[in-house]
Protein backbone atom coordinates (compact mmCIF):
# COMPACT_ATOMS: atom_id res chain seq x y z
CA MET A 1 288.32 37.36 -181.68
CA ALA A 2 287.00 35.12 -178.86
CA TYR A 3 283.24 34.76 -178.94
CA LEU A 4 281.17 35.31 -175.81
CA ASN A 5 278.54 32.92 -174.58
CA TYR A 6 275.13 34.52 -175.15
CA TRP A 7 274.37 34.13 -171.45
CA GLU A 8 277.44 36.27 -170.74
CA VAL A 9 276.16 38.91 -173.16
CA LEU A 10 272.87 39.02 -171.24
CA GLY A 11 274.69 38.93 -167.92
CA LEU A 12 272.62 35.94 -166.83
CA GLU A 13 273.10 32.34 -165.71
CA PRO A 14 271.49 29.69 -168.00
CA THR A 15 267.75 29.59 -167.21
CA THR A 16 264.42 28.59 -168.75
CA ASP A 17 262.58 31.49 -167.05
CA LYS A 18 261.49 33.74 -169.93
CA GLY A 19 260.67 36.52 -167.49
CA GLU A 20 264.26 36.59 -166.20
CA ILE A 21 265.60 36.58 -169.78
CA LYS A 22 263.40 39.55 -170.74
CA LYS A 23 264.48 41.48 -167.63
CA ALA A 24 268.15 40.85 -168.41
CA TYR A 25 267.64 41.94 -172.04
CA ALA A 26 265.86 45.14 -170.98
CA LYS A 27 268.66 45.91 -168.53
CA GLN A 28 271.41 45.44 -171.15
CA ALA A 29 269.42 47.30 -173.81
CA LYS A 30 269.62 50.45 -171.69
CA LYS A 31 273.42 50.27 -171.84
CA PHE A 32 273.68 49.68 -175.60
CA HIS A 33 271.43 52.03 -177.53
CA PRO A 34 271.15 50.93 -181.21
CA GLU A 35 272.26 54.37 -182.47
CA ASP A 36 275.29 54.67 -180.18
CA HIS A 37 276.34 51.00 -180.09
CA PRO A 38 274.91 49.31 -183.21
CA GLU A 39 277.21 46.25 -183.13
CA GLN A 40 276.74 45.59 -179.40
CA PHE A 41 272.98 46.03 -179.72
CA LYS A 42 272.87 43.62 -182.67
CA GLN A 43 274.85 41.08 -180.64
CA LEU A 44 272.50 41.61 -177.67
CA GLN A 45 269.45 40.96 -179.83
CA ALA A 46 270.96 37.75 -181.20
CA ALA A 47 271.79 36.61 -177.65
CA TYR A 48 268.23 37.42 -176.53
CA LYS A 49 266.70 35.36 -179.35
CA SER A 50 269.04 32.44 -178.63
CA ALA A 51 268.18 32.50 -174.92
CA LEU A 52 264.44 32.57 -175.66
CA ALA A 53 264.82 29.63 -178.04
CA TYR A 54 266.70 27.79 -175.30
CA ALA A 55 263.95 28.57 -172.73
CA LYS A 56 261.11 27.64 -175.11
CA ASN A 57 262.44 24.11 -175.64
CA GLN A 58 263.75 23.76 -172.05
CA PRO A 59 266.75 21.52 -172.85
CA SER A 60 268.49 19.46 -170.19
CA LEU A 61 271.87 20.69 -168.91
CA ASN A 62 273.13 17.13 -168.37
CA ALA A 63 274.53 16.91 -171.90
CA GLN A 64 276.42 20.21 -171.50
CA ARG A 65 277.88 19.06 -168.18
CA GLN A 66 278.96 15.74 -169.66
CA PHE A 67 280.52 17.53 -172.64
CA GLN A 68 282.46 19.87 -170.33
CA LYS A 69 283.53 16.97 -168.11
CA GLU A 70 285.04 15.13 -171.07
CA LEU A 71 286.88 18.29 -172.16
CA ASP A 72 288.30 18.78 -168.65
CA SER A 73 289.52 15.17 -168.69
CA PHE A 74 291.19 15.78 -172.06
CA HIS A 75 293.00 18.88 -170.71
CA GLN A 76 294.24 16.97 -167.65
CA ASN A 77 295.69 14.23 -169.84
CA GLU A 78 297.39 16.82 -172.06
CA GLN A 79 298.88 18.54 -168.99
CA VAL A 80 300.26 15.28 -167.62
CA GLU A 81 301.87 14.44 -170.94
CA SER A 82 303.47 17.89 -171.24
CA ASN A 83 305.03 17.58 -167.72
CA ILE A 84 306.73 14.27 -168.49
CA ILE A 85 310.30 14.96 -169.61
CA LYS A 86 312.07 11.96 -170.99
CA GLN A 87 315.75 11.89 -169.84
CA PRO A 88 318.05 10.15 -172.39
CA THR A 89 320.21 7.37 -170.91
CA PRO A 90 323.94 7.88 -171.47
CA THR A 91 325.45 5.20 -173.72
CA ALA A 92 328.92 4.20 -174.73
CA ASP A 93 328.49 5.85 -178.12
CA SER A 94 327.42 9.13 -176.58
CA ASN A 95 330.39 9.13 -174.16
CA THR A 96 332.76 8.46 -177.03
CA GLU A 97 331.18 11.26 -179.06
CA GLN A 98 331.56 13.68 -176.10
CA LYS A 99 335.23 12.78 -175.71
CA GLU A 100 335.81 13.31 -179.40
CA LYS A 101 334.24 16.79 -179.13
CA THR A 102 336.52 17.60 -176.16
CA VAL A 103 339.64 16.40 -178.00
CA LYS A 104 338.60 18.31 -181.10
CA SER A 105 338.08 21.43 -179.05
CA GLY A 106 341.57 21.05 -177.55
CA ILE A 107 343.09 20.55 -180.97
CA ASP A 108 341.35 23.69 -182.21
CA ASN A 109 342.76 25.70 -179.31
CA VAL A 110 346.26 24.42 -179.98
CA SER A 111 345.87 25.22 -183.61
CA VAL A 112 344.91 28.74 -182.72
CA ASN A 113 347.96 29.17 -180.49
CA VAL A 114 350.28 27.78 -183.09
CA SER A 115 348.91 29.39 -186.15
CA PHE A 116 347.97 32.86 -184.98
CA GLY A 117 350.45 33.61 -182.24
CA LYS A 118 350.20 37.38 -181.60
CA ASN A 119 346.73 37.54 -183.20
CA LYS A 120 345.39 35.06 -180.69
CA ASN A 121 343.26 37.63 -178.83
CA LYS A 122 341.48 38.71 -182.00
CA VAL A 123 340.81 35.17 -183.02
CA MET A 124 339.49 34.24 -179.57
CA SER A 125 337.24 37.34 -179.63
CA GLY A 126 335.78 36.07 -182.91
CA LEU A 127 335.22 32.70 -181.37
CA GLY A 128 333.35 34.40 -178.48
CA ASP A 129 331.00 36.08 -180.91
CA THR A 130 330.37 32.73 -182.54
CA ALA A 131 329.51 31.21 -179.15
CA ILE A 132 326.96 33.98 -178.47
CA THR A 133 325.40 33.45 -181.87
CA GLN A 134 325.12 29.74 -181.20
CA GLU A 135 323.43 30.46 -177.81
CA GLU A 136 320.88 32.69 -179.51
CA LYS A 137 320.26 29.97 -182.04
CA LYS A 138 319.66 27.51 -179.25
CA LYS A 139 317.16 29.88 -177.59
CA LYS A 140 315.45 30.41 -180.92
CA ILE A 141 315.24 26.65 -181.43
CA VAL A 142 313.73 26.23 -177.92
CA ILE A 143 311.15 28.97 -178.63
CA GLU A 144 310.29 27.47 -181.99
CA SER A 145 310.05 24.04 -180.39
CA THR A 146 307.70 25.44 -177.71
CA ASP A 147 305.59 27.13 -180.37
CA VAL A 148 305.38 23.89 -182.30
CA LYS A 149 304.36 22.02 -179.14
CA ASN A 150 301.70 24.62 -178.31
CA LYS A 151 300.46 24.59 -181.87
CA THR A 152 300.32 20.80 -181.81
CA LYS A 153 298.49 20.84 -178.47
CA LYS A 154 296.00 23.38 -179.81
CA GLU A 155 295.45 21.36 -182.98
CA ASN A 156 294.99 18.17 -180.93
CA GLU A 157 292.41 19.85 -178.73
CA GLN A 158 290.61 21.31 -181.74
CA GLN A 159 290.51 17.92 -183.42
CA TYR A 160 289.23 16.36 -180.19
CA LEU A 161 286.44 18.95 -180.06
CA LEU A 162 285.56 18.36 -183.70
CA ASN A 163 285.38 14.61 -183.12
CA LYS A 164 283.11 15.10 -180.09
CA ILE A 165 280.85 17.51 -181.99
CA GLU A 166 280.58 15.07 -184.89
CA LYS A 167 279.73 12.25 -182.48
CA ILE A 168 276.94 14.07 -180.60
CA LEU A 169 275.49 15.38 -183.86
CA SER A 170 275.32 11.83 -185.19
CA LEU A 171 273.23 10.84 -182.17
CA ASN A 172 270.82 13.77 -182.12
CA CYS A 173 270.32 17.05 -183.98
CA ASP A 174 267.87 18.86 -181.74
CA LEU A 175 268.17 22.33 -180.26
CA TYR A 176 269.79 21.45 -176.95
CA THR A 177 272.40 19.25 -178.67
CA LEU A 178 273.50 22.25 -180.73
CA ASP A 179 273.45 24.45 -177.65
CA THR A 180 275.59 21.88 -175.79
CA PHE A 181 278.71 22.66 -177.83
CA LEU A 182 277.93 26.11 -179.28
CA SER A 183 277.72 27.55 -175.75
CA ASN A 184 280.87 25.74 -174.54
CA GLU A 185 283.72 28.07 -173.55
CA ARG A 186 286.46 26.08 -175.33
CA VAL A 187 284.47 25.93 -178.54
CA LEU A 188 283.76 29.66 -178.32
CA THR A 189 287.47 30.31 -177.79
CA PHE A 190 288.54 28.28 -180.84
CA LEU A 191 285.89 29.85 -183.10
CA SER A 192 288.36 32.71 -183.58
CA ASP A 193 290.48 30.20 -185.52
CA TYR A 194 289.37 30.28 -189.16
CA ARG A 195 290.08 26.62 -189.88
CA PHE A 196 288.25 25.44 -186.75
CA LYS A 197 285.24 27.64 -187.51
CA ILE A 198 285.02 26.23 -191.05
CA GLU A 199 285.19 22.65 -189.75
CA VAL A 200 282.47 23.27 -187.16
CA GLN A 201 280.24 24.81 -189.79
CA ASN A 202 280.81 21.87 -192.12
CA LEU A 203 279.75 19.42 -189.39
CA ILE A 204 276.57 21.41 -188.73
CA ILE A 205 275.75 21.77 -192.43
CA LYS A 206 275.92 17.99 -192.94
CA LYS A 207 273.06 17.58 -190.46
CA ILE A 208 270.84 20.49 -191.62
CA ASN A 209 268.34 18.18 -193.32
CA ASP A 210 267.94 16.08 -190.15
CA MET A 211 267.16 19.04 -187.89
CA LYS A 212 263.77 20.03 -186.55
CA PRO A 213 262.36 23.55 -187.14
CA SER A 214 263.18 24.57 -183.56
CA ALA A 215 266.84 23.64 -184.09
CA ILE A 216 266.91 25.51 -187.44
CA ASN A 217 265.49 28.67 -185.82
CA TYR A 218 268.04 28.38 -183.04
CA LEU A 219 270.85 28.14 -185.61
CA VAL A 220 269.59 31.26 -187.40
CA ASN A 221 269.94 33.28 -184.19
CA ILE A 222 273.17 31.71 -182.94
CA SER A 223 274.84 31.90 -186.39
CA GLU A 224 274.40 35.64 -186.46
CA PHE A 225 275.63 35.84 -182.87
CA LEU A 226 278.75 33.71 -183.45
CA GLY A 227 279.49 34.84 -187.00
CA LEU A 228 278.79 31.45 -188.59
CA SER A 229 278.13 33.01 -191.97
CA ILE A 230 278.34 29.77 -193.96
CA VAL A 231 275.74 28.07 -191.75
CA LYS A 232 273.46 31.08 -192.03
CA GLU A 233 273.75 31.11 -195.81
CA VAL A 234 273.08 27.36 -196.06
CA ILE A 235 270.02 27.68 -193.78
CA GLU A 236 268.62 30.44 -195.97
CA LYS A 237 269.07 28.22 -199.04
CA HIS A 238 267.58 25.31 -197.10
CA LYS A 239 264.49 27.35 -196.24
CA LYS A 240 264.14 28.47 -199.85
CA LYS A 241 264.30 24.84 -200.98
CA GLN A 242 261.65 23.92 -198.42
CA LYS A 243 259.41 26.69 -199.73
CA VAL A 244 259.98 25.49 -203.29
CA ARG A 245 259.18 21.93 -202.23
CA MET A 246 256.09 23.11 -200.39
CA PHE A 247 254.87 25.08 -203.41
CA GLY A 248 255.73 22.10 -205.59
CA SER A 249 253.69 19.81 -203.33
CA ILE A 250 250.78 22.24 -203.41
CA ALA A 251 251.02 22.49 -207.18
CA LEU A 252 251.16 18.70 -207.45
CA PHE A 253 248.16 18.42 -205.16
CA ILE A 254 246.22 20.92 -207.28
CA ILE A 255 247.16 19.03 -210.44
CA ILE A 256 246.00 15.77 -208.85
CA VAL A 257 242.72 17.36 -207.77
CA ILE A 258 242.17 18.81 -211.24
CA GLY A 259 243.04 15.43 -212.77
CA ILE A 260 240.60 13.62 -210.51
CA SER A 261 237.94 16.20 -211.32
CA SER A 262 238.61 15.75 -215.01
CA ILE A 263 238.32 12.00 -214.70
CA GLY A 264 235.07 12.47 -212.81
CA THR A 265 233.61 14.52 -215.65
CA ILE A 266 233.97 11.64 -218.11
CA HIS A 267 231.84 9.30 -216.04
CA ASN A 268 228.53 8.50 -217.64
CA LYS A 269 225.18 9.30 -216.10
CA ALA A 270 224.54 5.75 -214.96
CA GLN A 271 227.79 5.63 -213.00
CA LYS A 272 226.99 8.96 -211.36
CA GLN A 273 223.52 7.80 -210.45
CA ALA A 274 224.88 4.57 -209.01
CA GLU A 275 227.36 6.53 -206.94
CA GLU A 276 224.68 8.90 -205.72
CA GLU A 277 222.46 5.98 -204.78
CA LYS A 278 225.32 4.38 -202.90
CA GLN A 279 226.04 7.62 -201.09
CA GLN A 280 222.37 7.99 -200.29
CA GLU A 281 222.30 4.50 -198.83
CA ILE A 282 225.28 5.36 -196.69
CA ARG A 283 223.62 8.58 -195.56
CA ASP A 284 220.42 6.69 -194.76
CA VAL A 285 222.35 4.18 -192.68
CA ILE A 286 224.17 6.97 -190.92
CA ASN A 287 220.93 8.88 -190.31
CA LYS A 288 219.22 5.78 -188.96
CA GLU A 289 222.15 5.05 -186.70
CA SER A 290 222.22 8.67 -185.59
CA GLN A 291 218.49 8.66 -184.92
CA LYS A 292 218.82 5.41 -183.03
CA ASN A 293 221.63 6.82 -180.92
CA THR A 294 219.63 10.00 -180.34
CA GLN A 295 216.56 8.03 -179.34
CA GLU A 296 218.58 5.83 -177.03
CA LYS A 297 220.14 8.90 -175.49
CA ILE A 298 216.74 10.59 -175.05
CA SER A 299 215.29 7.37 -173.68
CA LYS A 300 218.14 7.06 -171.25
CA GLN A 301 217.74 10.66 -170.15
CA ASN A 302 213.98 10.17 -169.73
CA GLN A 303 214.57 7.01 -167.77
CA GLU A 304 217.05 8.79 -165.53
CA GLN A 305 214.56 11.60 -165.01
CA GLU A 306 211.78 9.12 -164.27
CA ASP A 307 214.00 7.30 -161.80
CA GLU A 308 214.90 10.58 -160.15
CA VAL A 309 211.23 11.64 -159.93
CA ARG A 310 210.23 8.18 -158.67
CA ASP A 311 212.91 8.25 -156.01
CA THR A 312 211.83 11.74 -154.97
CA ILE A 313 208.18 10.72 -154.74
CA ARG A 314 209.05 7.55 -152.88
CA GLU A 315 211.04 9.59 -150.37
CA MET A 316 208.11 12.01 -149.97
CA TYR A 317 205.62 9.17 -149.24
CA LYS A 318 208.05 6.98 -147.33
CA GLN A 319 206.28 7.54 -144.01
CA TYR A 320 202.98 6.25 -145.45
CA LEU A 321 204.45 3.07 -146.95
CA HIS A 322 205.18 1.41 -143.57
CA GLY A 323 208.18 -0.49 -144.91
CA VAL A 324 206.66 -1.46 -148.25
CA GLN A 325 209.34 -1.44 -150.96
CA ILE A 326 208.65 -0.71 -154.62
CA VAL A 327 211.26 -2.18 -156.97
CA LYS A 328 211.54 -1.40 -160.66
CA GLU A 329 211.53 -4.60 -162.69
CA GLY A 330 211.75 -4.18 -166.48
CA ASP A 331 208.76 -2.07 -167.53
CA GLY A 332 206.86 -2.67 -164.29
CA TYR A 333 207.11 -2.73 -160.49
CA LEU A 334 207.24 -5.48 -157.88
CA ILE A 335 205.99 -4.93 -154.33
CA TYR A 336 208.00 -6.29 -151.36
CA ASP A 337 207.62 -6.05 -147.60
CA GLU A 338 210.40 -5.07 -145.23
CA GLN A 339 211.65 -8.69 -145.13
CA GLN A 340 212.13 -8.63 -148.91
CA GLN A 341 209.17 -10.99 -149.37
CA LEU A 342 206.84 -10.49 -152.35
CA ILE A 343 203.48 -9.15 -151.28
CA SER A 344 202.02 -9.90 -154.70
CA SER A 345 203.45 -11.87 -157.61
CA THR A 346 201.92 -9.43 -160.10
CA THR A 347 204.22 -7.02 -161.95
CA TYR A 348 202.29 -3.74 -161.86
CA THR A 349 202.48 -1.19 -164.68
CA GLY A 350 201.86 1.86 -162.50
CA ILE A 351 201.82 3.16 -158.93
CA ASN A 352 199.68 5.96 -157.41
CA TYR A 353 200.76 7.31 -154.02
CA THR A 354 198.38 8.76 -151.37
CA THR A 355 199.01 10.55 -148.09
CA SER A 356 197.49 7.66 -146.26
CA SER A 357 198.32 4.03 -145.63
CA TYR A 358 196.80 3.01 -148.96
CA LEU A 359 198.76 2.54 -152.17
CA VAL A 360 197.06 2.28 -155.58
CA LEU A 361 198.51 -0.43 -157.85
CA ILE A 362 197.70 -0.46 -161.57
CA ASP A 363 197.88 -3.61 -163.69
CA ASN A 364 197.02 -2.52 -167.24
CA GLU A 365 193.19 -1.94 -167.05
CA MET A 366 192.74 -3.23 -163.49
CA VAL A 367 193.34 -1.22 -160.33
CA TYR A 368 194.10 -2.67 -156.88
CA VAL A 369 194.46 -1.03 -153.47
CA LEU A 370 197.19 -2.13 -151.01
CA ASN A 371 196.91 -1.52 -147.27
CA CYS A 372 200.55 -0.79 -146.42
CA GLU A 373 200.07 -1.33 -142.70
CA THR A 374 198.64 -4.83 -143.03
CA LYS A 375 200.53 -5.60 -146.28
CA THR A 376 197.28 -6.94 -147.83
CA LEU A 377 195.29 -6.14 -150.97
CA LEU A 378 191.66 -5.00 -150.68
CA SER A 379 189.22 -7.42 -152.20
CA ASP A 380 187.62 -5.01 -154.67
CA VAL A 381 189.10 -4.53 -158.14
CA TYR A 382 188.57 -1.24 -159.97
CA ARG A 383 188.91 -0.20 -163.59
CA ALA A 384 190.48 3.27 -163.09
CA SER A 385 191.88 5.60 -160.45
CA ASN A 386 192.61 9.30 -160.03
CA ILE A 387 194.59 11.06 -157.30
CA ILE A 388 192.78 14.15 -156.03
CA LYS A 389 193.27 16.71 -153.26
CA VAL A 390 190.89 16.30 -150.29
CA THR A 391 190.43 18.90 -147.55
CA THR A 392 189.26 17.83 -144.09
CA GLU A 393 189.17 19.32 -140.61
CA THR A 394 192.68 17.93 -139.98
CA GLY A 395 194.22 19.23 -143.18
CA PRO A 396 194.68 18.50 -146.89
CA TYR A 397 195.38 14.99 -148.16
CA GLN A 398 196.16 13.25 -151.43
CA CYS A 399 193.49 10.59 -151.82
CA ALA A 400 192.41 8.18 -154.53
CA VAL A 401 189.11 8.40 -156.41
CA LEU A 402 188.42 4.91 -157.73
CA THR A 403 186.10 4.00 -160.62
CA THR A 404 184.16 0.78 -160.09
CA GLN A 405 183.48 -1.78 -162.79
CA ASP A 406 179.93 -0.40 -163.18
CA GLY A 407 181.12 3.23 -163.49
CA ARG A 408 180.56 4.56 -159.98
CA PHE A 409 183.13 6.81 -158.22
CA ILE A 410 184.44 5.84 -154.78
CA LEU A 411 186.59 8.15 -152.58
CA LEU A 412 189.16 6.33 -150.47
CA ASP A 413 189.52 8.79 -147.56
CA PRO A 414 192.69 9.10 -145.38
CA SER A 415 191.28 6.57 -142.92
CA GLY A 416 190.65 3.98 -145.63
CA ASN A 417 186.89 4.46 -145.66
CA GLN A 418 185.25 4.01 -149.06
CA ILE A 419 182.79 6.89 -149.62
CA GLU A 420 180.61 6.70 -152.71
CA ILE A 421 180.39 10.01 -154.56
CA ASP A 422 176.86 11.06 -155.48
CA ALA A 423 176.35 11.63 -159.19
CA SER A 424 174.89 15.06 -158.42
CA PHE A 425 178.37 16.36 -157.63
CA GLY A 426 179.34 15.79 -161.25
CA CYS A 427 182.62 14.05 -160.37
CA ASP A 428 184.74 13.02 -163.36
CA ASP A 429 188.38 12.63 -164.40
CA THR A 430 188.85 16.41 -164.47
CA SER A 431 187.89 16.97 -160.82
CA GLU A 432 190.74 18.41 -158.72
CA LEU A 433 189.39 19.12 -155.19
CA ILE A 434 186.94 17.48 -152.78
CA HIS A 435 185.78 19.10 -149.54
CA LEU A 436 185.11 16.56 -146.78
CA GLU A 437 183.52 17.39 -143.41
CA ASN A 438 182.85 14.79 -140.76
CA GLY A 439 183.22 12.06 -143.37
CA VAL A 440 180.66 13.66 -145.70
CA ILE A 441 181.45 15.15 -149.10
CA THR A 442 180.25 18.78 -149.19
CA SER A 443 181.54 19.88 -152.62
CA ILE A 444 183.70 18.91 -155.55
CA GLU A 445 185.67 21.28 -157.78
């Protein structure tokens, strides 16, 4: 029998689209119900599995085209050789031999006339029958010669295919290499020849151990489809061996683990303690490193949040700064004017913003006030500051309450006036709101 390409069974051109393959399978499955057409359905299933394996690995068609191109070239060469008829050149010996045959034939005729006389017609009739028999023999020889030539041509082509298959298998044993020749029309045609099928299977079997799992699975499906029973049987044995090897490896691993555990049990207490101490040291190092990394990460996140908050606040109070620029420098801040000139060489540890032209600068335990409009520091130095909400006739403001060196509280109002807060108001660090009318403090909350 001539084997069909599995794409032909599905009625589909070669594709890697699994959706198209499934549609084609469903369409063909309606024609071949497993109860009515068991063999055709089995063949359809095998073709479906082979096509899916092809699509899953998405092989290139270049190898198949190259393989077919080389086969076409081989056929053309064979055809040219079969059309060349070599004409023998007449020689002196051949002419002499032909003359001898003619003379001999004449002598035979004379002999017949002389020897048989009246029985000449019967004798000549017998000679006619002999001539017919010789003609049939010639035809038979021509037919046999043609059969021999065809057989030789077929054997040559089969051997050529086998050589090509052996060559491509020696280069690569993946799925698409197998599919390159097992889906070729000439190979499928010759698989009906028992000897050729055996040779193909032998070539495949030699490379079983070099094949990847995807190629093995492909062979399982295609072997059933093409009737490669020997390959299928070898693959089953190969898989069984792999399972045995796998179980053997697992068993060996278990034995090794048990052996190591047994060796561990014979260690003395001192060795165990030393190992535990070593492990503890490692854990401590790891924990310290982990804590360090965590702290650095938290510190970085906090710094990023602080920078974000600082930028937000700076943007909010930008209109009150009058071009003054606050630059983060290490753990402190430097103050520059709009020409990038330092207003003060001091690196301040903190900044308090107000909704006025005054900026509170903190240097550890000393507090300074900067007039952003004039870019100058006020002469007084304070020991503490607190930003508090102040309500006036024109609206609410964020103003600074400054603590003098002798413990008095001074309100720096939105206009820059320094208003001393009477002790009777009970102002302290917890105060949140000051009511101011016409420059006079009326109440503190």
